[in-house]
mmCIF file of all heavy atoms, coordinates in Angstrom:
data_MODEL
# 
_entry.id   MODEL 
# 
loop_
_atom_site.group_PDB 
_atom_site.id 
_atom_site.type_symbol 
_atom_site.label_atom_id 
_atom_site.label_alt_id 
_atom_site.label_comp_id 
_atom_site.label_asym_id 
_atom_site.label_entity_id 
_atom_site.label_seq_id 
_atom_site.pdbx_PDB_ins_code 
_atom_site.Cartn_x 
_atom_site.Cartn_y 
_atom_site.Cartn_z 
_atom_site.occupancy 
_atom_site.B_iso_or_equiv 
_atom_site.pdbx_formal_charge 
_atom_site.auth_seq_id 
_atom_site.auth_comp_id 
_atom_site.auth_asym_id 
_atom_site.auth_atom_id 
_atom_site.pdbx_PDB_model_num 
ATOM 1   N N   . SER A 1 1  ? 58.318 -12.459 11.026 1.00 0.00 ? 1  SER A N   1 
ATOM 2   C CA  . SER A 1 1  ? 57.175 -12.292 10.131 1.00 0.00 ? 1  SER A CA  1 
ATOM 3   C C   . SER A 1 1  ? 57.569 -11.396 8.967  1.00 0.00 ? 1  SER A C   1 
ATOM 4   O O   . SER A 1 1  ? 58.190 -10.349 9.166  1.00 0.00 ? 1  SER A O   1 
ATOM 5   C CB  . SER A 1 1  ? 55.987 -11.674 10.879 1.00 0.00 ? 1  SER A CB  1 
ATOM 6   O OG  . SER A 1 1  ? 55.513 -12.554 11.878 1.00 0.00 ? 1  SER A OG  1 
ATOM 7   N N   . ARG A 1 2  ? 57.200 -11.803 7.766  1.00 0.00 ? 2  ARG A N   1 
ATOM 8   C CA  . ARG A 1 2  ? 57.541 -11.041 6.577  1.00 0.00 ? 2  ARG A CA  1 
ATOM 9   C C   . ARG A 1 2  ? 56.250 -10.708 5.835  1.00 0.00 ? 2  ARG A C   1 
ATOM 10  O O   . ARG A 1 2  ? 55.497 -11.607 5.476  1.00 0.00 ? 2  ARG A O   1 
ATOM 11  C CB  . ARG A 1 2  ? 58.475 -11.850 5.676  1.00 0.00 ? 2  ARG A CB  1 
ATOM 12  C CG  . ARG A 1 2  ? 59.734 -12.297 6.401  1.00 0.00 ? 2  ARG A CG  1 
ATOM 13  C CD  . ARG A 1 2  ? 60.507 -13.314 5.592  1.00 0.00 ? 2  ARG A CD  1 
ATOM 14  N NE  . ARG A 1 2  ? 61.576 -13.900 6.384  1.00 0.00 ? 2  ARG A NE  1 
ATOM 15  C CZ  . ARG A 1 2  ? 62.347 -14.887 5.970  1.00 0.00 ? 2  ARG A CZ  1 
ATOM 16  N NH1 . ARG A 1 2  ? 62.169 -15.397 4.761  1.00 0.00 ? 2  ARG A NH1 1 
ATOM 17  N NH2 . ARG A 1 2  ? 63.288 -15.369 6.748  1.00 0.00 ? 2  ARG A NH2 1 
ATOM 18  N N   . VAL A 1 3  ? 56.044 -9.426  5.633  1.00 0.00 ? 3  VAL A N   1 
ATOM 19  C CA  . VAL A 1 3  ? 54.753 -8.990  5.105  1.00 0.00 ? 3  VAL A CA  1 
ATOM 20  C C   . VAL A 1 3  ? 54.953 -7.920  4.047  1.00 0.00 ? 3  VAL A C   1 
ATOM 21  O O   . VAL A 1 3  ? 55.777 -7.016  4.208  1.00 0.00 ? 3  VAL A O   1 
ATOM 22  C CB  . VAL A 1 3  ? 53.868 -8.423  6.242  1.00 0.00 ? 3  VAL A CB  1 
ATOM 23  C CG1 . VAL A 1 3  ? 52.551 -7.915  5.677  1.00 0.00 ? 3  VAL A CG1 1 
ATOM 24  C CG2 . VAL A 1 3  ? 53.613 -9.468  7.307  1.00 0.00 ? 3  VAL A CG2 1 
ATOM 25  N N   . THR A 1 4  ? 54.197 -8.024  2.957  1.00 0.00 ? 4  THR A N   1 
ATOM 26  C CA  . THR A 1 4  ? 54.027 -6.924  2.020  1.00 0.00 ? 4  THR A CA  1 
ATOM 27  C C   . THR A 1 4  ? 52.556 -6.547  2.091  1.00 0.00 ? 4  THR A C   1 
ATOM 28  O O   . THR A 1 4  ? 51.689 -7.242  1.538  1.00 0.00 ? 4  THR A O   1 
ATOM 29  C CB  . THR A 1 4  ? 54.422 -7.339  0.595  1.00 0.00 ? 4  THR A CB  1 
ATOM 30  O OG1 . THR A 1 4  ? 55.774 -7.785  0.611  1.00 0.00 ? 4  THR A OG1 1 
ATOM 31  C CG2 . THR A 1 4  ? 54.303 -6.160  -0.362 1.00 0.00 ? 4  THR A CG2 1 
ATOM 32  N N   . LEU A 1 5  ? 52.254 -5.480  2.816  1.00 0.00 ? 5  LEU A N   1 
ATOM 33  C CA  . LEU A 1 5  ? 50.858 -5.156  3.134  1.00 0.00 ? 5  LEU A CA  1 
ATOM 34  C C   . LEU A 1 5  ? 50.010 -4.937  1.890  1.00 0.00 ? 5  LEU A C   1 
ATOM 35  O O   . LEU A 1 5  ? 48.835 -5.308  1.852  1.00 0.00 ? 5  LEU A O   1 
ATOM 36  C CB  . LEU A 1 5  ? 50.802 -3.925  4.036  1.00 0.00 ? 5  LEU A CB  1 
ATOM 37  C CG  . LEU A 1 5  ? 51.338 -4.103  5.461  1.00 0.00 ? 5  LEU A CG  1 
ATOM 38  C CD1 . LEU A 1 5  ? 51.200 -2.806  6.244  1.00 0.00 ? 5  LEU A CD1 1 
ATOM 39  C CD2 . LEU A 1 5  ? 50.603 -5.219  6.177  1.00 0.00 ? 5  LEU A CD2 1 
ATOM 40  N N   . GLY A 1 6  ? 50.587 -4.316  0.867  1.00 0.00 ? 6  GLY A N   1 
ATOM 41  C CA  . GLY A 1 6  ? 49.807 -4.046  -0.336 1.00 0.00 ? 6  GLY A CA  1 
ATOM 42  C C   . GLY A 1 6  ? 49.228 -5.297  -0.948 1.00 0.00 ? 6  GLY A C   1 
ATOM 43  O O   . GLY A 1 6  ? 48.094 -5.290  -1.468 1.00 0.00 ? 6  GLY A O   1 
ATOM 44  N N   . SER A 1 7  ? 49.972 -6.414  -0.896 1.00 0.00 ? 7  SER A N   1 
ATOM 45  C CA  . SER A 1 7  ? 49.478 -7.663  -1.484 1.00 0.00 ? 7  SER A CA  1 
ATOM 46  C C   . SER A 1 7  ? 48.320 -8.247  -0.687 1.00 0.00 ? 7  SER A C   1 
ATOM 47  O O   . SER A 1 7  ? 47.610 -9.127  -1.171 1.00 0.00 ? 7  SER A O   1 
ATOM 48  C CB  . SER A 1 7  ? 50.616 -8.683  -1.562 1.00 0.00 ? 7  SER A CB  1 
ATOM 49  O OG  . SER A 1 7  ? 51.022 -9.088  -0.256 1.00 0.00 ? 7  SER A OG  1 
ATOM 50  N N   . LEU A 1 8  ? 48.131 -7.757  0.540  1.00 0.00 ? 8  LEU A N   1 
ATOM 51  C CA  . LEU A 1 8  ? 47.054 -8.250  1.396  1.00 0.00 ? 8  LEU A CA  1 
ATOM 52  C C   . LEU A 1 8  ? 45.868 -7.290  1.451  1.00 0.00 ? 8  LEU A C   1 
ATOM 53  O O   . LEU A 1 8  ? 44.978 -7.433  2.280  1.00 0.00 ? 8  LEU A O   1 
ATOM 54  C CB  . LEU A 1 8  ? 47.596 -8.475  2.811  1.00 0.00 ? 8  LEU A CB  1 
ATOM 55  C CG  . LEU A 1 8  ? 48.749 -9.483  2.912  1.00 0.00 ? 8  LEU A CG  1 
ATOM 56  C CD1 . LEU A 1 8  ? 49.348 -9.481  4.304  1.00 0.00 ? 8  LEU A CD1 1 
ATOM 57  C CD2 . LEU A 1 8  ? 48.277 -10.874 2.543  1.00 0.00 ? 8  LEU A CD2 1 
ATOM 58  N N   . GLY A 1 9  ? 45.881 -6.294  0.565  1.00 0.00 ? 9  GLY A N   1 
ATOM 59  C CA  . GLY A 1 9  ? 44.762 -5.354  0.514  1.00 0.00 ? 9  GLY A CA  1 
ATOM 60  C C   . GLY A 1 9  ? 44.860 -4.226  1.510  1.00 0.00 ? 9  GLY A C   1 
ATOM 61  O O   . GLY A 1 9  ? 43.862 -3.564  1.798  1.00 0.00 ? 9  GLY A O   1 
ATOM 62  N N   . VAL A 1 10 ? 46.057 -3.976  2.047  1.00 0.00 ? 10 VAL A N   1 
ATOM 63  C CA  . VAL A 1 10 ? 46.263 -2.880  2.997  1.00 0.00 ? 10 VAL A CA  1 
ATOM 64  C C   . VAL A 1 10 ? 47.188 -1.867  2.335  1.00 0.00 ? 10 VAL A C   1 
ATOM 65  O O   . VAL A 1 10 ? 48.411 -1.982  2.394  1.00 0.00 ? 10 VAL A O   1 
ATOM 66  C CB  . VAL A 1 10 ? 46.863 -3.392  4.325  1.00 0.00 ? 10 VAL A CB  1 
ATOM 67  C CG1 . VAL A 1 10 ? 47.022 -2.237  5.317  1.00 0.00 ? 10 VAL A CG1 1 
ATOM 68  C CG2 . VAL A 1 10 ? 45.991 -4.493  4.928  1.00 0.00 ? 10 VAL A CG2 1 
ATOM 69  N N   . GLN A 1 11 ? 46.626 -0.882  1.675  1.00 0.00 ? 11 GLN A N   1 
ATOM 70  C CA  . GLN A 1 11 ? 47.382 0.125   0.943  1.00 0.00 ? 11 GLN A CA  1 
ATOM 71  C C   . GLN A 1 11 ? 47.478 1.399   1.776  1.00 0.00 ? 11 GLN A C   1 
ATOM 72  O O   . GLN A 1 11 ? 46.461 2.014   2.101  1.00 0.00 ? 11 GLN A O   1 
ATOM 73  C CB  . GLN A 1 11 ? 46.703 0.444   -0.405 1.00 0.00 ? 11 GLN A CB  1 
ATOM 74  C CG  . GLN A 1 11 ? 46.610 -0.736  -1.356 1.00 0.00 ? 11 GLN A CG  1 
ATOM 75  C CD  . GLN A 1 11 ? 47.931 -1.053  -2.032 1.00 0.00 ? 11 GLN A CD  1 
ATOM 76  O OE1 . GLN A 1 11 ? 48.916 -0.337  -1.855 1.00 0.00 ? 11 GLN A OE1 1 
ATOM 77  N NE2 . GLN A 1 11 ? 47.965 -2.112  -2.834 1.00 0.00 ? 11 GLN A NE2 1 
ATOM 78  N N   . THR A 1 12 ? 48.705 1.799   2.132  1.00 0.00 ? 12 THR A N   1 
ATOM 79  C CA  . THR A 1 12 ? 48.889 2.992   2.965  1.00 0.00 ? 12 THR A CA  1 
ATOM 80  C C   . THR A 1 12 ? 49.620 4.110   2.233  1.00 0.00 ? 12 THR A C   1 
ATOM 81  O O   . THR A 1 12 ? 50.059 5.068   2.859  1.00 0.00 ? 12 THR A O   1 
ATOM 82  C CB  . THR A 1 12 ? 49.671 2.635   4.250  1.00 0.00 ? 12 THR A CB  1 
ATOM 83  O OG1 . THR A 1 12 ? 50.968 2.139   3.884  1.00 0.00 ? 12 THR A OG1 1 
ATOM 84  C CG2 . THR A 1 12 ? 48.932 1.584   5.063  1.00 0.00 ? 12 THR A CG2 1 
ATOM 85  N N   . VAL A 1 13 ? 49.758 3.993   0.921  1.00 0.00 ? 13 VAL A N   1 
ATOM 86  C CA  . VAL A 1 13 ? 50.463 5.018   0.145  1.00 0.00 ? 13 VAL A CA  1 
ATOM 87  C C   . VAL A 1 13 ? 49.774 6.367   0.337  1.00 0.00 ? 13 VAL A C   1 
ATOM 88  O O   . VAL A 1 13 ? 48.557 6.494   0.156  1.00 0.00 ? 13 VAL A O   1 
ATOM 89  C CB  . VAL A 1 13 ? 50.500 4.649   -1.347 1.00 0.00 ? 13 VAL A CB  1 
ATOM 90  C CG1 . VAL A 1 13 ? 51.173 5.766   -2.151 1.00 0.00 ? 13 VAL A CG1 1 
ATOM 91  C CG2 . VAL A 1 13 ? 51.240 3.336   -1.546 1.00 0.00 ? 13 VAL A CG2 1 
ATOM 92  N N   . GLY A 1 14 ? 50.557 7.387   0.719  1.00 0.00 ? 14 GLY A N   1 
ATOM 93  C CA  . GLY A 1 14 ? 50.004 8.716   0.965  1.00 0.00 ? 14 GLY A CA  1 
ATOM 94  C C   . GLY A 1 14 ? 49.403 8.881   2.339  1.00 0.00 ? 14 GLY A C   1 
ATOM 95  O O   . GLY A 1 14 ? 48.971 9.982   2.697  1.00 0.00 ? 14 GLY A O   1 
ATOM 96  N N   . ARG A 1 15 ? 49.376 7.798   3.114  1.00 0.00 ? 15 ARG A N   1 
ATOM 97  C CA  . ARG A 1 15 ? 48.816 7.863   4.476  1.00 0.00 ? 15 ARG A CA  1 
ATOM 98  C C   . ARG A 1 15 ? 49.792 7.222   5.459  1.00 0.00 ? 15 ARG A C   1 
ATOM 99  O O   . ARG A 1 15 ? 49.402 6.464   6.350  1.00 0.00 ? 15 ARG A O   1 
ATOM 100 C CB  . ARG A 1 15 ? 47.451 7.167   4.538  1.00 0.00 ? 15 ARG A CB  1 
ATOM 101 C CG  . ARG A 1 15 ? 46.361 7.840   3.726  1.00 0.00 ? 15 ARG A CG  1 
ATOM 102 C CD  . ARG A 1 15 ? 45.019 7.141   3.888  1.00 0.00 ? 15 ARG A CD  1 
ATOM 103 N NE  . ARG A 1 15 ? 45.076 5.786   3.367  1.00 0.00 ? 15 ARG A NE  1 
ATOM 104 C CZ  . ARG A 1 15 ? 44.870 5.440   2.102  1.00 0.00 ? 15 ARG A CZ  1 
ATOM 105 N NH1 . ARG A 1 15 ? 44.589 6.384   1.206  1.00 0.00 ? 15 ARG A NH1 1 
ATOM 106 N NH2 . ARG A 1 15 ? 44.947 4.184   1.702  1.00 0.00 ? 15 ARG A NH2 1 
ATOM 107 N N   . SER A 1 16 ? 51.075 7.513   5.294  1.00 0.00 ? 16 SER A N   1 
ATOM 108 C CA  . SER A 1 16 ? 52.114 6.994   6.178  1.00 0.00 ? 16 SER A CA  1 
ATOM 109 C C   . SER A 1 16 ? 52.774 8.147   6.918  1.00 0.00 ? 16 SER A C   1 
ATOM 110 O O   . SER A 1 16 ? 53.083 9.179   6.315  1.00 0.00 ? 16 SER A O   1 
ATOM 111 C CB  . SER A 1 16 ? 53.166 6.218   5.376  1.00 0.00 ? 16 SER A CB  1 
ATOM 112 O OG  . SER A 1 16 ? 52.601 5.053   4.801  1.00 0.00 ? 16 SER A OG  1 
ATOM 113 N N   . PHE A 1 17 ? 52.990 7.970   8.207  1.00 0.00 ? 17 PHE A N   1 
ATOM 114 C CA  . PHE A 1 17 ? 53.560 9.020   9.047  1.00 0.00 ? 17 PHE A CA  1 
ATOM 115 C C   . PHE A 1 17 ? 54.683 8.420   9.886  1.00 0.00 ? 17 PHE A C   1 
ATOM 116 O O   . PHE A 1 17 ? 54.601 7.286   10.337 1.00 0.00 ? 17 PHE A O   1 
ATOM 117 C CB  . PHE A 1 17 ? 52.498 9.620   9.966  1.00 0.00 ? 17 PHE A CB  1 
ATOM 118 C CG  . PHE A 1 17 ? 51.310 10.173  9.234  1.00 0.00 ? 17 PHE A CG  1 
ATOM 119 C CD1 . PHE A 1 17 ? 50.231 9.360   8.924  1.00 0.00 ? 17 PHE A CD1 1 
ATOM 120 C CD2 . PHE A 1 17 ? 51.277 11.500  8.839  1.00 0.00 ? 17 PHE A CD2 1 
ATOM 121 C CE1 . PHE A 1 17 ? 49.136 9.862   8.240  1.00 0.00 ? 17 PHE A CE1 1 
ATOM 122 C CE2 . PHE A 1 17 ? 50.189 12.009  8.158  1.00 0.00 ? 17 PHE A CE2 1 
ATOM 123 C CZ  . PHE A 1 17 ? 49.116 11.193  7.858  1.00 0.00 ? 17 PHE A CZ  1 
ATOM 124 N N   . ARG A 1 18 ? 55.720 9.219   10.099 1.00 0.00 ? 18 ARG A N   1 
ATOM 125 C CA  . ARG A 1 18 ? 56.841 8.781   10.928 1.00 0.00 ? 18 ARG A CA  1 
ATOM 126 C C   . ARG A 1 18 ? 56.987 9.720   12.125 1.00 0.00 ? 18 ARG A C   1 
ATOM 127 O O   . ARG A 1 18 ? 57.036 10.943  11.954 1.00 0.00 ? 18 ARG A O   1 
ATOM 128 C CB  . ARG A 1 18 ? 58.141 8.773   10.125 1.00 0.00 ? 18 ARG A CB  1 
ATOM 129 C CG  . ARG A 1 18 ? 59.351 8.283   10.929 1.00 0.00 ? 18 ARG A CG  1 
ATOM 130 C CD  . ARG A 1 18 ? 60.636 8.504   10.130 1.00 0.00 ? 18 ARG A CD  1 
ATOM 131 N NE  . ARG A 1 18 ? 60.616 7.793   8.883  1.00 0.00 ? 18 ARG A NE  1 
ATOM 132 C CZ  . ARG A 1 18 ? 60.909 6.492   8.765  1.00 0.00 ? 18 ARG A CZ  1 
ATOM 133 N NH1 . ARG A 1 18 ? 61.255 5.808   9.831  1.00 0.00 ? 18 ARG A NH1 1 
ATOM 134 N NH2 . ARG A 1 18 ? 60.868 5.897   7.597  1.00 0.00 ? 18 ARG A NH2 1 
ATOM 135 N N   . LEU A 1 19 ? 57.038 9.146   13.328 1.00 0.00 ? 19 LEU A N   1 
ATOM 136 C CA  . LEU A 1 19 ? 57.290 9.909   14.542 1.00 0.00 ? 19 LEU A CA  1 
ATOM 137 C C   . LEU A 1 19 ? 58.785 9.832   14.841 1.00 0.00 ? 19 LEU A C   1 
ATOM 138 O O   . LEU A 1 19 ? 59.368 8.750   14.848 1.00 0.00 ? 19 LEU A O   1 
ATOM 139 C CB  . LEU A 1 19 ? 56.476 9.339   15.714 1.00 0.00 ? 19 LEU A CB  1 
ATOM 140 C CG  . LEU A 1 19 ? 54.955 9.299   15.494 1.00 0.00 ? 19 LEU A CG  1 
ATOM 141 C CD1 . LEU A 1 19 ? 54.263 8.653   16.690 1.00 0.00 ? 19 LEU A CD1 1 
ATOM 142 C CD2 . LEU A 1 19 ? 54.397 10.683  15.237 1.00 0.00 ? 19 LEU A CD2 1 
ATOM 143 N N   . ARG A 1 20 ? 59.413 10.976  15.090 1.00 0.00 ? 20 ARG A N   1 
ATOM 144 C CA  . ARG A 1 20 ? 60.868 11.028  15.194 1.00 0.00 ? 20 ARG A CA  1 
ATOM 145 C C   . ARG A 1 20 ? 61.388 11.348  16.598 1.00 0.00 ? 20 ARG A C   1 
ATOM 146 O O   . ARG A 1 20 ? 62.572 11.200  16.854 1.00 0.00 ? 20 ARG A O   1 
ATOM 147 C CB  . ARG A 1 20 ? 61.415 12.087  14.225 1.00 0.00 ? 20 ARG A CB  1 
ATOM 148 C CG  . ARG A 1 20 ? 61.196 11.760  12.756 1.00 0.00 ? 20 ARG A CG  1 
ATOM 149 C CD  . ARG A 1 20 ? 61.709 12.900  11.879 1.00 0.00 ? 20 ARG A CD  1 
ATOM 150 N NE  . ARG A 1 20 ? 61.679 12.573  10.474 1.00 0.00 ? 20 ARG A NE  1 
ATOM 151 C CZ  . ARG A 1 20 ? 60.615 12.706  9.707  1.00 0.00 ? 20 ARG A CZ  1 
ATOM 152 N NH1 . ARG A 1 20 ? 59.492 13.169  10.222 1.00 0.00 ? 20 ARG A NH1 1 
ATOM 153 N NH2 . ARG A 1 20 ? 60.655 12.382  8.427  1.00 0.00 ? 20 ARG A NH2 1 
ATOM 154 N N   . VAL A 1 21 ? 60.526 11.832  17.489 1.00 0.00 ? 21 VAL A N   1 
ATOM 155 C CA  . VAL A 1 21 ? 61.007 12.280  18.796 1.00 0.00 ? 21 VAL A CA  1 
ATOM 156 C C   . VAL A 1 21 ? 60.681 11.236  19.861 1.00 0.00 ? 21 VAL A C   1 
ATOM 157 O O   . VAL A 1 21 ? 59.535 10.837  20.026 1.00 0.00 ? 21 VAL A O   1 
ATOM 158 C CB  . VAL A 1 21 ? 60.387 13.639  19.177 1.00 0.00 ? 21 VAL A CB  1 
ATOM 159 C CG1 . VAL A 1 21 ? 60.933 14.098  20.532 1.00 0.00 ? 21 VAL A CG1 1 
ATOM 160 C CG2 . VAL A 1 21 ? 60.698 14.675  18.108 1.00 0.00 ? 21 VAL A CG2 1 
ATOM 161 N N   . ASN A 1 22 ? 61.713 10.786  20.577 1.00 0.00 ? 22 ASN A N   1 
ATOM 162 C CA  . ASN A 1 22 ? 61.550 9.840   21.668 1.00 0.00 ? 22 ASN A CA  1 
ATOM 163 C C   . ASN A 1 22 ? 61.205 10.618  22.939 1.00 0.00 ? 22 ASN A C   1 
ATOM 164 O O   . ASN A 1 22 ? 61.932 11.526  23.326 1.00 0.00 ? 22 ASN A O   1 
ATOM 165 C CB  . ASN A 1 22 ? 62.861 9.054   21.853 1.00 0.00 ? 22 ASN A CB  1 
ATOM 166 C CG  . ASN A 1 22 ? 62.797 8.036   22.978 1.00 0.00 ? 22 ASN A CG  1 
ATOM 167 O OD1 . ASN A 1 22 ? 62.523 8.380   24.116 1.00 0.00 ? 22 ASN A OD1 1 
ATOM 168 N ND2 . ASN A 1 22 ? 63.081 6.793   22.653 1.00 0.00 ? 22 ASN A ND2 1 
ATOM 169 N N   . TYR A 1 23 ? 60.112 10.246  23.597 1.00 0.00 ? 23 TYR A N   1 
ATOM 170 C CA  . TYR A 1 23 ? 59.684 10.917  24.824 1.00 0.00 ? 23 TYR A CA  1 
ATOM 171 C C   . TYR A 1 23 ? 59.914 10.049  26.052 1.00 0.00 ? 23 TYR A C   1 
ATOM 172 O O   . TYR A 1 23 ? 59.461 10.381  27.141 1.00 0.00 ? 23 TYR A O   1 
ATOM 173 C CB  . TYR A 1 23 ? 58.195 11.280  24.733 1.00 0.00 ? 23 TYR A CB  1 
ATOM 174 C CG  . TYR A 1 23 ? 57.900 12.187  23.574 1.00 0.00 ? 23 TYR A CG  1 
ATOM 175 C CD1 . TYR A 1 23 ? 57.387 11.672  22.388 1.00 0.00 ? 23 TYR A CD1 1 
ATOM 176 C CD2 . TYR A 1 23 ? 58.175 13.540  23.653 1.00 0.00 ? 23 TYR A CD2 1 
ATOM 177 C CE1 . TYR A 1 23 ? 57.139 12.494  21.313 1.00 0.00 ? 23 TYR A CE1 1 
ATOM 178 C CE2 . TYR A 1 23 ? 57.933 14.375  22.576 1.00 0.00 ? 23 TYR A CE2 1 
ATOM 179 C CZ  . TYR A 1 23 ? 57.417 13.848  21.415 1.00 0.00 ? 23 TYR A CZ  1 
ATOM 180 O OH  . TYR A 1 23 ? 57.183 14.667  20.340 1.00 0.00 ? 23 TYR A OH  1 
ATOM 181 N N   . ARG A 1 24 ? 60.619 8.926   25.885 1.00 0.00 ? 24 ARG A N   1 
ATOM 182 C CA  . ARG A 1 24 ? 60.812 8.001   26.999 1.00 0.00 ? 24 ARG A CA  1 
ATOM 183 C C   . ARG A 1 24 ? 62.265 7.964   27.457 1.00 0.00 ? 24 ARG A C   1 
ATOM 184 O O   . ARG A 1 24 ? 62.564 8.234   28.611 1.00 0.00 ? 24 ARG A O   1 
ATOM 185 C CB  . ARG A 1 24 ? 60.373 6.592   26.598 1.00 0.00 ? 24 ARG A CB  1 
ATOM 186 C CG  . ARG A 1 24 ? 60.685 5.560   27.674 1.00 0.00 ? 24 ARG A CG  1 
ATOM 187 C CD  . ARG A 1 24 ? 60.048 4.228   27.359 1.00 0.00 ? 24 ARG A CD  1 
ATOM 188 N NE  . ARG A 1 24 ? 60.600 3.615   26.170 1.00 0.00 ? 24 ARG A NE  1 
ATOM 189 C CZ  . ARG A 1 24 ? 59.883 2.926   25.293 1.00 0.00 ? 24 ARG A CZ  1 
ATOM 190 N NH1 . ARG A 1 24 ? 58.586 2.808   25.462 1.00 0.00 ? 24 ARG A NH1 1 
ATOM 191 N NH2 . ARG A 1 24 ? 60.445 2.372   24.250 1.00 0.00 ? 24 ARG A NH2 1 
ATOM 192 N N   . SER A 1 25 ? 63.178 7.598   26.574 1.00 0.00 ? 25 SER A N   1 
ATOM 193 C CA  . SER A 1 25 ? 64.576 7.380   26.944 1.00 0.00 ? 25 SER A CA  1 
ATOM 194 C C   . SER A 1 25 ? 65.400 8.639   26.749 1.00 0.00 ? 25 SER A C   1 
ATOM 195 O O   . SER A 1 25 ? 65.068 9.490   25.926 1.00 0.00 ? 25 SER A O   1 
ATOM 196 C CB  . SER A 1 25 ? 65.173 6.249   26.096 1.00 0.00 ? 25 SER A CB  1 
ATOM 197 O OG  . SER A 1 25 ? 64.414 5.073   26.204 1.00 0.00 ? 25 SER A OG  1 
ATOM 198 N N   . THR A 1 26 ? 66.492 8.728   27.490 1.00 0.00 ? 26 THR A N   1 
ATOM 199 C CA  . THR A 1 26 ? 67.396 9.856   27.306 1.00 0.00 ? 26 THR A CA  1 
ATOM 200 C C   . THR A 1 26 ? 68.131 9.724   25.975 1.00 0.00 ? 26 THR A C   1 
ATOM 201 O O   . THR A 1 26 ? 68.221 8.639   25.389 1.00 0.00 ? 26 THR A O   1 
ATOM 202 C CB  . THR A 1 26 ? 68.436 9.914   28.437 1.00 0.00 ? 26 THR A CB  1 
ATOM 203 O OG1 . THR A 1 26 ? 69.265 8.741   28.364 1.00 0.00 ? 26 THR A OG1 1 
ATOM 204 C CG2 . THR A 1 26 ? 67.769 9.992   29.799 1.00 0.00 ? 26 THR A CG2 1 
ATOM 205 N N   . GLU A 1 27 ? 68.667 10.839  25.505 1.00 0.00 ? 27 GLU A N   1 
ATOM 206 C CA  . GLU A 1 27 ? 69.439 10.828  24.266 1.00 0.00 ? 27 GLU A CA  1 
ATOM 207 C C   . GLU A 1 27 ? 70.636 9.887   24.383 1.00 0.00 ? 27 GLU A C   1 
ATOM 208 O O   . GLU A 1 27 ? 71.020 9.225   23.406 1.00 0.00 ? 27 GLU A O   1 
ATOM 209 C CB  . GLU A 1 27 ? 69.912 12.248  23.945 1.00 0.00 ? 27 GLU A CB  1 
ATOM 210 C CG  . GLU A 1 27 ? 70.718 12.378  22.671 1.00 0.00 ? 27 GLU A CG  1 
ATOM 211 C CD  . GLU A 1 27 ? 69.915 12.111  21.409 1.00 0.00 ? 27 GLU A CD  1 
ATOM 212 O OE1 . GLU A 1 27 ? 68.666 12.170  21.466 1.00 0.00 ? 27 GLU A OE1 1 
ATOM 213 O OE2 . GLU A 1 27 ? 70.529 11.835  20.363 1.00 0.00 ? 27 GLU A OE2 1 
ATOM 214 N N   . GLU A 1 28 ? 71.219 9.790   25.571 1.00 0.00 ? 28 GLU A N   1 
ATOM 215 C CA  . GLU A 1 28 ? 72.370 8.925   25.765 1.00 0.00 ? 28 GLU A CA  1 
ATOM 216 C C   . GLU A 1 28 ? 71.996 7.451   25.599 1.00 0.00 ? 28 GLU A C   1 
ATOM 217 O O   . GLU A 1 28 ? 72.722 6.683   24.948 1.00 0.00 ? 28 GLU A O   1 
ATOM 218 C CB  . GLU A 1 28 ? 72.973 9.170   27.157 1.00 0.00 ? 28 GLU A CB  1 
ATOM 219 C CG  . GLU A 1 28 ? 73.652 10.522  27.313 1.00 0.00 ? 28 GLU A CG  1 
ATOM 220 C CD  . GLU A 1 28 ? 72.678 11.704  27.440 1.00 0.00 ? 28 GLU A CD  1 
ATOM 221 O OE1 . GLU A 1 28 ? 71.478 11.461  27.680 1.00 0.00 ? 28 GLU A OE1 1 
ATOM 222 O OE2 . GLU A 1 28 ? 73.121 12.844  27.289 1.00 0.00 ? 28 GLU A OE2 1 
# 
């Protein structure tokens, strides 16, 4: 699936967050 959300009326500029810590798998 290929999507450009802005063209579909879903604008998330300034409201995007990234989670960086994995709480499931080991670092290895």
